[in-house]
Amino acid sequence: MIGIIISFLFYSGIDINLLLLLSFLLPLPAVFNFTLYEIGFINNNNFYRIITGLLLGISIGWAILNLLTNKIEYAFFSLLWIMILEIIVTIILHRAKVLEKFFAQYENGLFEE
């Protein structure tokens, strides 16, 4: 949420082409950090999660602002990129046999009384 708020502050001062490039690059640290941690390649801590979450939030905020300012094509490509990254992460976690853990947590939390 803080990343989205930060994105609102810096939206107007950035060239739209640079904004689109940053919207594609900023989610990557969060994706790498999450994926590598869940697979067990790296250790994670709150500092890394905060920084990568801020970067991801900024890119999501810019996509929202593109929608609100009628730059639909930029918003579409930014959000499409985030969805593609989510699908890639899902495939990687499935192949690493750790995705089932998330399903089990969801099912246990959903059906507990």
C-alpha atoms as a PDB file:
ATOM      1  CA  MET A   1       0.000   0.000   0.000  1.00  0.00           C
ATOM      2  CA  ILE A   2       2.843   2.379   0.799  1.00  0.00           C
ATOM      3  CA  GLY A   3       4.397   1.690  -2.617  1.00  0.00           C
ATOM      4  CA  ILE A   4       1.135   2.639  -4.316  1.00  0.00           C
ATOM      5  CA  ILE A   5       1.023   5.900  -2.361  1.00  0.00           C
ATOM      6  CA  ILE A   6       4.647   6.640  -3.281  1.00  0.00           C
ATOM      7  CA  SER A   7       3.838   6.002  -6.941  1.00  0.00           C
ATOM      8  CA  PHE A   8       1.156   8.706  -6.824  1.00  0.00           C
ATOM      9  CA  LEU A   9       3.773  11.229  -5.658  1.00  0.00           C
ATOM     10  CA  PHE A  10       6.230  10.559  -8.495  1.00  0.00           C
ATOM     11  CA  TYR A  11       3.809   9.877 -11.346  1.00  0.00           C
ATOM     12  CA  SER A  12       3.625  13.319 -12.907  1.00  0.00           C
ATOM     13  CA  GLY A  13       7.359  13.977 -13.089  1.00  0.00           C
ATOM     14  CA  ILE A  14       8.322  10.918 -15.126  1.00  0.00           C
ATOM     15  CA  ASP A  15       8.285  10.531 -18.918  1.00  0.00           C
ATOM     16  CA  ILE A  16       5.670   7.976 -19.950  1.00  0.00           C
ATOM     17  CA  ASN A  17       8.173   5.761 -21.795  1.00  0.00           C
ATOM     18  CA  LEU A  18      10.484   5.690 -18.773  1.00  0.00           C
ATOM     19  CA  LEU A  19       7.444   5.034 -16.609  1.00  0.00           C
ATOM     20  CA  LEU A  20       6.524   2.012 -18.714  1.00  0.00           C
ATOM     21  CA  LEU A  21      10.085   0.690 -18.598  1.00  0.00           C
ATOM     22  CA  LEU A  22      10.201   1.094 -14.819  1.00  0.00           C
ATOM     23  CA  SER A  23       6.790  -0.568 -14.532  1.00  0.00           C
ATOM     24  CA  PHE A  24       8.302  -3.618 -16.210  1.00  0.00           C
ATOM     25  CA  LEU A  25      11.524  -3.606 -14.149  1.00  0.00           C
ATOM     26  CA  LEU A  26      10.318  -2.725 -10.647  1.00  0.00           C
ATOM     27  CA  PRO A  27       8.308  -5.934 -10.003  1.00  0.00           C
ATOM     28  CA  LEU A  28      11.288  -8.174 -10.840  1.00  0.00           C
ATOM     29  CA  PRO A  29      13.094  -7.922  -7.460  1.00  0.00           C
ATOM     30  CA  ALA A  30       9.904  -8.930  -5.634  1.00  0.00           C
ATOM     31  CA  VAL A  31       9.354 -11.849  -7.989  1.00  0.00           C
ATOM     32  CA  PHE A  32      12.938 -13.066  -7.669  1.00  0.00           C
ATOM     33  CA  ASN A  33      13.009 -12.581  -3.904  1.00  0.00           C
ATOM     34  CA  PHE A  34       9.734 -14.454  -3.330  1.00  0.00           C
ATOM     35  CA  THR A  35      10.485 -17.272  -5.745  1.00  0.00           C
ATOM     36  CA  LEU A  36      14.041 -17.900  -4.591  1.00  0.00           C
ATOM     37  CA  TYR A  37      12.987 -17.791  -0.933  1.00  0.00           C
ATOM     38  CA  GLU A  38      10.120 -20.226  -1.406  1.00  0.00           C
ATOM     39  CA  ILE A  39      12.336 -22.651  -3.325  1.00  0.00           C
ATOM     40  CA  GLY A  40      14.940 -22.396  -0.572  1.00  0.00           C
ATOM     41  CA  PHE A  41      17.817 -20.796  -2.467  1.00  0.00           C
ATOM     42  CA  ILE A  42      18.039 -17.686  -0.301  1.00  0.00           C
ATOM     43  CA  ASN A  43      17.162 -16.536   3.190  1.00  0.00           C
ATOM     44  CA  ASN A  44      14.732 -13.682   3.446  1.00  0.00           C
ATOM     45  CA  ASN A  45      14.146 -10.991   6.022  1.00  0.00           C
ATOM     46  CA  ASN A  46      11.739  -8.127   6.595  1.00  0.00           C
ATOM     47  CA  PHE A  47      14.064  -5.529   5.077  1.00  0.00           C
ATOM     48  CA  TYR A  48      14.169  -7.321   1.718  1.00  0.00           C
ATOM     49  CA  ARG A  49      10.420  -7.888   1.782  1.00  0.00           C
ATOM     50  CA  ILE A  50       9.734  -4.221   2.517  1.00  0.00           C
ATOM     51  CA  ILE A  51      12.008  -2.945  -0.258  1.00  0.00           C
ATOM     52  CA  THR A  52      10.809  -5.396  -2.894  1.00  0.00           C
ATOM     53  CA  GLY A  53       7.195  -4.858  -1.823  1.00  0.00           C
ATOM     54  CA  LEU A  54       7.607  -1.106  -2.206  1.00  0.00           C
ATOM     55  CA  LEU A  55       8.971  -1.554  -5.713  1.00  0.00           C
ATOM     56  CA  LEU A  56       6.116  -3.864  -6.663  1.00  0.00           C
ATOM     57  CA  GLY A  57       3.602  -1.454  -5.128  1.00  0.00           C
ATOM     58  CA  ILE A  58       5.032   1.454  -7.095  1.00  0.00           C
ATOM     59  CA  SER A  59       4.592  -0.410 -10.381  1.00  0.00           C
ATOM     60  CA  ILE A  60       1.017  -1.373  -9.465  1.00  0.00           C
ATOM     61  CA  GLY A  61       0.284   2.216  -8.458  1.00  0.00           C
ATOM     62  CA  TRP A  62       1.551   3.514 -11.783  1.00  0.00           C
ATOM     63  CA  ALA A  63      -0.678   1.023 -13.595  1.00  0.00           C
ATOM     64  CA  ILE A  64      -3.666   2.287 -11.596  1.00  0.00           C
ATOM     65  CA  LEU A  65      -2.757   5.891 -12.354  1.00  0.00           C
ATOM     66  CA  ASN A  66      -2.449   5.048 -16.057  1.00  0.00           C
ATOM     67  CA  LEU A  67      -5.985   3.701 -15.903  1.00  0.00           C
ATOM     68  CA  LEU A  68      -7.230   6.818 -14.140  1.00  0.00           C
ATOM     69  CA  THR A  69      -5.545   9.151 -16.641  1.00  0.00           C
ATOM     70  CA  ASN A  70      -6.902   7.291 -19.689  1.00  0.00           C
ATOM     71  CA  LYS A  71      -3.581   5.771 -20.716  1.00  0.00           C
ATOM     72  CA  ILE A  72      -5.309   2.436 -21.049  1.00  0.00           C
ATOM     73  CA  GLU A  73      -2.686   0.768 -23.245  1.00  0.00           C
ATOM     74  CA  TYR A  74       0.089   1.497 -20.723  1.00  0.00           C
ATOM     75  CA  ALA A  75      -2.037   0.241 -17.847  1.00  0.00           C
ATOM     76  CA  PHE A  76      -2.982  -2.859 -19.821  1.00  0.00           C
ATOM     77  CA  PHE A  77       0.622  -3.777 -20.600  1.00  0.00           C
ATOM     78  CA  SER A  78       1.776  -3.099 -17.039  1.00  0.00           C
ATOM     79  CA  LEU A  79      -0.950  -5.247 -15.512  1.00  0.00           C
ATOM     80  CA  LEU A  80      -0.492  -7.932 -18.167  1.00  0.00           C
ATOM     81  CA  TRP A  81       3.219  -8.067 -17.280  1.00  0.00           C
ATOM     82  CA  ILE A  82       2.412  -8.540 -13.594  1.00  0.00           C
ATOM     83  CA  MET A  83      -0.004 -11.360 -14.445  1.00  0.00           C
ATOM     84  CA  ILE A  84       2.604 -13.020 -16.668  1.00  0.00           C
ATOM     85  CA  LEU A  85       5.124 -12.825 -13.822  1.00  0.00           C
ATOM     86  CA  GLU A  86       2.574 -14.419 -11.469  1.00  0.00           C
ATOM     87  CA  ILE A  87       2.014 -17.271 -13.905  1.00  0.00           C
ATOM     88  CA  ILE A  88       5.768 -17.801 -14.264  1.00  0.00           C
ATOM     89  CA  VAL A  89       6.182 -17.887 -10.476  1.00  0.00           C
ATOM     90  CA  THR A  90       3.315 -20.383 -10.198  1.00  0.00           C
ATOM     91  CA  ILE A  91       4.913 -22.670 -12.783  1.00  0.00           C
ATOM     92  CA  ILE A  92       8.318 -22.461 -11.078  1.00  0.00           C
ATOM     93  CA  LEU A  93       6.836 -23.204  -7.648  1.00  0.00           C
ATOM     94  CA  HIS A  94       4.831 -26.097  -9.058  1.00  0.00           C
ATOM     95  CA  ARG A  95       7.893 -27.650 -10.676  1.00  0.00           C
ATOM     96  CA  ALA A  96       9.859 -27.174  -7.442  1.00  0.00           C
ATOM     97  CA  LYS A  97       7.062 -29.043  -5.595  1.00  0.00           C
ATOM     98  CA  VAL A  98       6.356 -26.183  -3.174  1.00  0.00           C
ATOM     99  CA  LEU A  99       3.099 -24.895  -4.662  1.00  0.00           C
ATOM    100  CA  GLU A 100       1.108 -27.650  -2.994  1.00  0.00           C
ATOM    101  CA  LYS A 101       2.086 -26.199   0.401  1.00  0.00           C
ATOM    102  CA  PHE A 102       0.225 -22.998  -0.470  1.00  0.00           C
ATOM    103  CA  PHE A 103      -2.863 -24.934  -1.527  1.00  0.00           C
ATOM    104  CA  ALA A 104      -2.785 -26.910   1.707  1.00  0.00           C
ATOM    105  CA  GLN A 105      -2.534 -23.733   3.794  1.00  0.00           C
ATOM    106  CA  TYR A 106      -5.470 -22.238   1.918  1.00  0.00           C
ATOM    107  CA  GLU A 107      -7.605 -25.347   2.259  1.00  0.00           C
ATOM    108  CA  ASN A 108      -6.812 -25.784   5.954  1.00  0.00           C
ATOM    109  CA  GLY A 109      -7.546 -22.141   6.685  1.00  0.00           C
ATOM    110  CA  LEU A 110     -10.692 -22.161   4.592  1.00  0.00           C
ATOM    111  CA  PHE A 111     -12.266 -25.280   6.086  1.00  0.00           C
ATOM    112  CA  GLU A 112     -11.273 -24.838   9.734  1.00  0.00           C
ATOM    113  CA  GLU A 113     -14.130 -24.031  12.052  1.00  0.00           C
END
